[in-house]
Amino acid sequence: MDDEATYICDACGEEIVIPIDSSAGASQEYVEDCPVCCRASVIHVVIDKDGEVQVWAKGE
């Protein structure tokens, strides 16, 4: 599993790199401000049994 993943900001369209913390569980959801446009997004992280990571964001 990678230590980082990316998502596209729902507000500004920029690709954002985030660290992945597998110790937080296989399904994670949290709010984070975009470092480019400062708008809040709900970040969703899913880690499957093979360690593959899926990340997406939706505007808050």
PDB file of N, CA and C in Angstrom:
ATOM      1  N   MET A   1       0.837  -1.182   0.000  1.00  0.00           N
ATOM      2  CA  MET A   1       0.000   0.000   0.000  1.00  0.00           C
ATOM      3  C   MET A   1       0.882   1.246   0.000  1.00  0.00           C
ATOM      4  N   ASP A   2       0.446   2.251  -0.758  1.00  0.00           N
ATOM      5  CA  ASP A   2       1.167   3.521  -0.797  1.00  0.00           C
ATOM      6  C   ASP A   2       0.879   4.331   0.459  1.00  0.00           C
ATOM      7  N   ASP A   3       1.810   5.207   0.812  1.00  0.00           N
ATOM      8  CA  ASP A   3       1.634   6.087   1.964  1.00  0.00           C
ATOM      9  C   ASP A   3       0.887   7.362   1.600  1.00  0.00           C
ATOM     10  N   GLU A   4       0.682   7.582   0.281  1.00  0.00           N
ATOM     11  CA  GLU A   4      -0.006   8.777  -0.185  1.00  0.00           C
ATOM     12  C   GLU A   4      -1.006   8.406  -1.279  1.00  0.00           C
ATOM     13  N   ALA A   5      -1.995   9.257  -1.442  1.00  0.00           N
ATOM     14  CA  ALA A   5      -2.965   9.103  -2.525  1.00  0.00           C
ATOM     15  C   ALA A   5      -3.388  10.499  -2.961  1.00  0.00           C
ATOM     16  N   THR A   6      -4.124  10.572  -4.053  1.00  0.00           N
ATOM     17  CA  THR A   6      -4.571  11.869  -4.552  1.00  0.00           C
ATOM     18  C   THR A   6      -6.083  11.865  -4.758  1.00  0.00           C
ATOM     19  N   TYR A   7      -6.641  13.069  -4.711  1.00  0.00           N
ATOM     20  CA  TYR A   7      -8.038  13.269  -5.080  1.00  0.00           C
ATOM     21  C   TYR A   7      -8.124  14.596  -5.811  1.00  0.00           C
ATOM     22  N   ILE A   8      -9.223  14.802  -6.503  1.00  0.00           N
ATOM     23  CA  ILE A   8      -9.471  16.050  -7.213  1.00  0.00           C
ATOM     24  C   ILE A   8     -10.423  16.887  -6.367  1.00  0.00           C
ATOM     25  N   CYS A   9     -10.023  18.114  -6.064  1.00  0.00           N
ATOM     26  CA  CYS A   9     -10.870  19.011  -5.286  1.00  0.00           C
ATOM     27  C   CYS A   9     -12.159  19.281  -6.056  1.00  0.00           C
ATOM     28  N   ASP A  10     -13.280  19.079  -5.386  1.00  0.00           N
ATOM     29  CA  ASP A  10     -14.598  19.272  -5.985  1.00  0.00           C
ATOM     30  C   ASP A  10     -14.852  20.740  -6.323  1.00  0.00           C
ATOM     31  N   ALA A  11     -14.197  21.655  -5.624  1.00  0.00           N
ATOM     32  CA  ALA A  11     -14.431  23.094  -5.817  1.00  0.00           C
ATOM     33  C   ALA A  11     -13.547  23.709  -6.901  1.00  0.00           C
ATOM     34  N   CYS A  12     -12.237  23.416  -6.870  1.00  0.00           N
ATOM     35  CA  CYS A  12     -11.321  24.098  -7.797  1.00  0.00           C
ATOM     36  C   CYS A  12     -10.719  23.185  -8.866  1.00  0.00           C
ATOM     37  N   GLY A  13     -10.884  21.864  -8.715  1.00  0.00           N
ATOM     38  CA  GLY A  13     -10.394  20.936  -9.736  1.00  0.00           C
ATOM     39  C   GLY A  13      -8.923  20.568  -9.615  1.00  0.00           C
ATOM     40  N   GLU A  14      -8.236  21.058  -8.595  1.00  0.00           N
ATOM     41  CA  GLU A  14      -6.825  20.743  -8.414  1.00  0.00           C
ATOM     42  C   GLU A  14      -6.654  19.318  -7.867  1.00  0.00           C
ATOM     43  N   GLU A  15      -5.562  18.683  -8.260  1.00  0.00           N
ATOM     44  CA  GLU A  15      -5.216  17.368  -7.721  1.00  0.00           C
ATOM     45  C   GLU A  15      -4.482  17.574  -6.399  1.00  0.00           C
ATOM     46  N   ILE A  16      -4.991  16.967  -5.332  1.00  0.00           N
ATOM     47  CA  ILE A  16      -4.456  17.143  -3.991  1.00  0.00           C
ATOM     48  C   ILE A  16      -3.868  15.818  -3.505  1.00  0.00           C
ATOM     49  N   VAL A  17      -2.657  15.868  -2.961  1.00  0.00           N
ATOM     50  CA  VAL A  17      -1.990  14.689  -2.406  1.00  0.00           C
ATOM     51  C   VAL A  17      -2.224  14.665  -0.902  1.00  0.00           C
ATOM     52  N   ILE A  18      -2.654  13.500  -0.395  1.00  0.00           N
ATOM     53  CA  ILE A  18      -2.882  13.352   1.044  1.00  0.00           C
ATOM     54  C   ILE A  18      -2.157  12.112   1.558  1.00  0.00           C
ATOM     55  N   PRO A  19      -1.745  12.128   2.818  1.00  0.00           N
ATOM     56  CA  PRO A  19      -1.155  10.926   3.414  1.00  0.00           C
ATOM     57  C   PRO A  19      -2.261   9.916   3.727  1.00  0.00           C
ATOM     58  N   ILE A  20      -1.930   8.641   3.657  1.00  0.00           N
ATOM     59  CA  ILE A  20      -2.874   7.574   3.988  1.00  0.00           C
ATOM     60  C   ILE A  20      -2.429   6.929   5.289  1.00  0.00           C
ATOM     61  N   ASP A  21      -3.351   6.868   6.246  1.00  0.00           N
ATOM     62  CA  ASP A  21      -3.090   6.248   7.549  1.00  0.00           C
ATOM     63  C   ASP A  21      -3.929   4.988   7.654  1.00  0.00           C
ATOM     64  N   SER A  22      -3.337   3.841   7.342  1.00  0.00           N
ATOM     65  CA  SER A  22      -4.087   2.581   7.359  1.00  0.00           C
ATOM     66  C   SER A  22      -4.516   2.183   8.770  1.00  0.00           C
ATOM     67  N   SER A  23      -3.877   2.733   9.800  1.00  0.00           N
ATOM     68  CA  SER A  23      -4.252   2.389  11.171  1.00  0.00           C
ATOM     69  C   SER A  23      -5.605   2.991  11.552  1.00  0.00           C
ATOM     70  N   ALA A  24      -6.135   3.923  10.733  1.00  0.00           N
ATOM     71  CA  ALA A  24      -7.434   4.540  11.003  1.00  0.00           C
ATOM     72  C   ALA A  24      -8.593   3.699  10.485  1.00  0.00           C
ATOM     73  N   GLY A  25      -8.302   2.559   9.887  1.00  0.00           N
ATOM     74  CA  GLY A  25      -9.343   1.654   9.414  1.00  0.00           C
ATOM     75  C   GLY A  25      -9.431   1.584   7.906  1.00  0.00           C
ATOM     76  N   ALA A  26     -10.221   0.618   7.435  1.00  0.00           N
ATOM     77  CA  ALA A  26     -10.349   0.371   5.999  1.00  0.00           C
ATOM     78  C   ALA A  26     -11.307   1.339   5.322  1.00  0.00           C
ATOM     79  N   SER A  27     -12.173   1.966   6.089  1.00  0.00           N
ATOM     80  CA  SER A  27     -13.115   2.946   5.549  1.00  0.00           C
ATOM     81  C   SER A  27     -13.041   4.197   6.417  1.00  0.00           C
ATOM     82  N   GLN A  28     -12.631   5.302   5.804  1.00  0.00           N
ATOM     83  CA  GLN A  28     -12.418   6.538   6.544  1.00  0.00           C
ATOM     84  C   GLN A  28     -13.182   7.680   5.873  1.00  0.00           C
ATOM     85  N   GLU A  29     -13.621   8.630   6.688  1.00  0.00           N
ATOM     86  CA  GLU A  29     -14.294   9.820   6.188  1.00  0.00           C
ATOM     87  C   GLU A  29     -13.955  10.970   7.120  1.00  0.00           C
ATOM     88  N   TYR A  30     -13.490  12.073   6.547  1.00  0.00           N
ATOM     89  CA  TYR A  30     -13.148  13.240   7.358  1.00  0.00           C
ATOM     90  C   TYR A  30     -13.227  14.497   6.512  1.00  0.00           C
ATOM     91  N   VAL A  31     -13.273  15.644   7.167  1.00  0.00           N
ATOM     92  CA  VAL A  31     -13.354  16.936   6.477  1.00  0.00           C
ATOM     93  C   VAL A  31     -11.967  17.563   6.450  1.00  0.00           C
ATOM     94  N   GLU A  32     -11.611  18.077   5.271  1.00  0.00           N
ATOM     95  CA  GLU A  32     -10.306  18.722   5.111  1.00  0.00           C
ATOM     96  C   GLU A  32     -10.471  19.915   4.179  1.00  0.00           C
ATOM     97  N   ASP A  33      -9.783  21.015   4.494  1.00  0.00           N
ATOM     98  CA  ASP A  33      -9.787  22.185   3.619  1.00  0.00           C
ATOM     99  C   ASP A  33      -8.789  21.973   2.488  1.00  0.00           C
ATOM    100  N   CYS A  34      -9.186  22.344   1.295  1.00  0.00           N
ATOM    101  CA  CYS A  34      -8.289  22.277   0.139  1.00  0.00           C
ATOM    102  C   CYS A  34      -7.130  23.244   0.362  1.00  0.00           C
ATOM    103  N   PRO A  35      -5.885  22.804   0.168  1.00  0.00           N
ATOM    104  CA  PRO A  35      -4.750  23.707   0.351  1.00  0.00           C
ATOM    105  C   PRO A  35      -4.627  24.759  -0.756  1.00  0.00           C
ATOM    106  N   VAL A  36      -5.391  24.609  -1.827  1.00  0.00           N
ATOM    107  CA  VAL A  36      -5.340  25.566  -2.933  1.00  0.00           C
ATOM    108  C   VAL A  36      -6.440  26.624  -2.792  1.00  0.00           C
ATOM    109  N   CYS A  37      -7.705  26.179  -2.672  1.00  0.00           N
ATOM    110  CA  CYS A  37      -8.823  27.133  -2.657  1.00  0.00           C
ATOM    111  C   CYS A  37      -9.450  27.321  -1.273  1.00  0.00           C
ATOM    112  N   CYS A  38      -9.013  26.547  -0.294  1.00  0.00           N
ATOM    113  CA  CYS A  38      -9.457  26.647   1.112  1.00  0.00           C
ATOM    114  C   CYS A  38     -10.908  26.235   1.346  1.00  0.00           C
ATOM    115  N   ARG A  39     -11.552  25.627   0.389  1.00  0.00           N
ATOM    116  CA  ARG A  39     -12.926  25.159   0.606  1.00  0.00           C
ATOM    117  C   ARG A  39     -12.900  23.779   1.251  1.00  0.00           C
ATOM    118  N   ALA A  40     -13.863  23.537   2.132  1.00  0.00           N
ATOM    119  CA  ALA A  40     -13.932  22.261   2.847  1.00  0.00           C
ATOM    120  C   ALA A  40     -14.510  21.169   1.956  1.00  0.00           C
ATOM    121  N   SER A  41     -13.922  19.987   2.054  1.00  0.00           N
ATOM    122  CA  SER A  41     -14.415  18.806   1.350  1.00  0.00           C
ATOM    123  C   SER A  41     -14.461  17.643   2.323  1.00  0.00           C
ATOM    124  N   VAL A  42     -15.419  16.756   2.094  1.00  0.00           N
ATOM    125  CA  VAL A  42     -15.461  15.504   2.838  1.00  0.00           C
ATOM    126  C   VAL A  42     -14.615  14.505   2.056  1.00  0.00           C
ATOM    127  N   ILE A  43     -13.555  14.031   2.679  1.00  0.00           N
ATOM    128  CA  ILE A  43     -12.630  13.097   2.043  1.00  0.00           C
ATOM    129  C   ILE A  43     -13.048  11.680   2.416  1.00  0.00           C
ATOM    130  N   HIS A  44     -13.160  10.820   1.406  1.00  0.00           N
ATOM    131  CA  HIS A  44     -13.505   9.416   1.619  1.00  0.00           C
ATOM    132  C   HIS A  44     -12.300   8.573   1.218  1.00  0.00           C
ATOM    133  N   VAL A  45     -11.901   7.671   2.110  1.00  0.00           N
ATOM    134  CA  VAL A  45     -10.781   6.770   1.852  1.00  0.00           C
ATOM    135  C   VAL A  45     -11.259   5.347   2.089  1.00  0.00           C
ATOM    136  N   VAL A  46     -11.042   4.473   1.108  1.00  0.00           N
ATOM    137  CA  VAL A  46     -11.371   3.060   1.250  1.00  0.00           C
ATOM    138  C   VAL A  46     -10.124   2.260   0.898  1.00  0.00           C
ATOM    139  N   ILE A  47      -9.748   1.355   1.796  1.00  0.00           N
ATOM    140  CA  ILE A  47      -8.596   0.476   1.573  1.00  0.00           C
ATOM    141  C   ILE A  47      -9.129  -0.940   1.488  1.00  0.00           C
ATOM    142  N   ASP A  48      -8.935  -1.588   0.331  1.00  0.00           N
ATOM    143  CA  ASP A  48      -9.470  -2.945   0.180  1.00  0.00           C
ATOM    144  C   ASP A  48      -8.532  -3.970   0.796  1.00  0.00           C
ATOM    145  N   LYS A  49      -8.933  -5.237   0.771  1.00  0.00           N
ATOM    146  CA  LYS A  49      -8.165  -6.302   1.432  1.00  0.00           C
ATOM    147  C   LYS A  49      -6.787  -6.514   0.824  1.00  0.00           C
ATOM    148  N   ASP A  50      -6.592  -6.057  -0.422  1.00  0.00           N
ATOM    149  CA  ASP A  50      -5.291  -6.175  -1.085  1.00  0.00           C
ATOM    150  C   ASP A  50      -4.413  -4.941  -0.856  1.00  0.00           C
ATOM    151  N   GLY A  51      -4.929  -3.964  -0.100  1.00  0.00           N
ATOM    152  CA  GLY A  51      -4.170  -2.759   0.176  1.00  0.00           C
ATOM    153  C   GLY A  51      -4.327  -1.661  -0.861  1.00  0.00           C
ATOM    154  N   GLU A  52      -5.215  -1.867  -1.843  1.00  0.00           N
ATOM    155  CA  GLU A  52      -5.474  -0.836  -2.845  1.00  0.00           C
ATOM    156  C   GLU A  52      -6.298   0.283  -2.201  1.00  0.00           C
ATOM    157  N   VAL A  53      -5.921   1.517  -2.486  1.00  0.00           N
ATOM    158  CA  VAL A  53      -6.569   2.667  -1.872  1.00  0.00           C
ATOM    159  C   VAL A  53      -7.398   3.426  -2.910  1.00  0.00           C
ATOM    160  N   GLN A  54      -8.621   3.768  -2.529  1.00  0.00           N
ATOM    161  CA  GLN A  54      -9.472   4.634  -3.345  1.00  0.00           C
ATOM    162  C   GLN A  54      -9.770   5.877  -2.504  1.00  0.00           C
ATOM    163  N   VAL A  55      -9.622   7.037  -3.108  1.00  0.00           N
ATOM    164  CA  VAL A  55      -9.870   8.301  -2.417  1.00  0.00           C
ATOM    165  C   VAL A  55     -10.725   9.182  -3.325  1.00  0.00           C
ATOM    166  N   TRP A  56     -11.742   9.828  -2.748  1.00  0.00           N
ATOM    167  CA  TRP A  56     -12.513  10.805  -3.483  1.00  0.00           C
ATOM    168  C   TRP A  56     -13.003  11.855  -2.498  1.00  0.00           C
ATOM    169  N   ALA A  57     -13.407  12.977  -3.043  1.00  0.00           N
ATOM    170  CA  ALA A  57     -13.860  14.093  -2.207  1.00  0.00           C
ATOM    171  C   ALA A  57     -15.171  14.643  -2.745  1.00  0.00           C
ATOM    172  N   LYS A  58     -15.993  15.118  -1.809  1.00  0.00           N
ATOM    173  CA  LYS A  58     -17.237  15.797  -2.161  1.00  0.00           C
ATOM    174  C   LYS A  58     -17.289  17.087  -1.370  1.00  0.00           C
ATOM    175  N   GLY A  59     -17.744  18.139  -1.987  1.00  0.00           N
ATOM    176  CA  GLY A  59     -17.851  19.415  -1.306  1.00  0.00           C
ATOM    177  C   GLY A  59     -18.739  19.318  -0.078  1.00  0.00           C
ATOM    178  N   GLU A  60     -18.360  20.045   0.960  1.00  0.00           N
ATOM    179  CA  GLU A  60     -19.146  19.998   2.194  1.00  0.00           C
ATOM    180  C   GLU A  60     -20.335  20.924   2.122  1.00  0.00           C
TER     181      GLU A  60
END
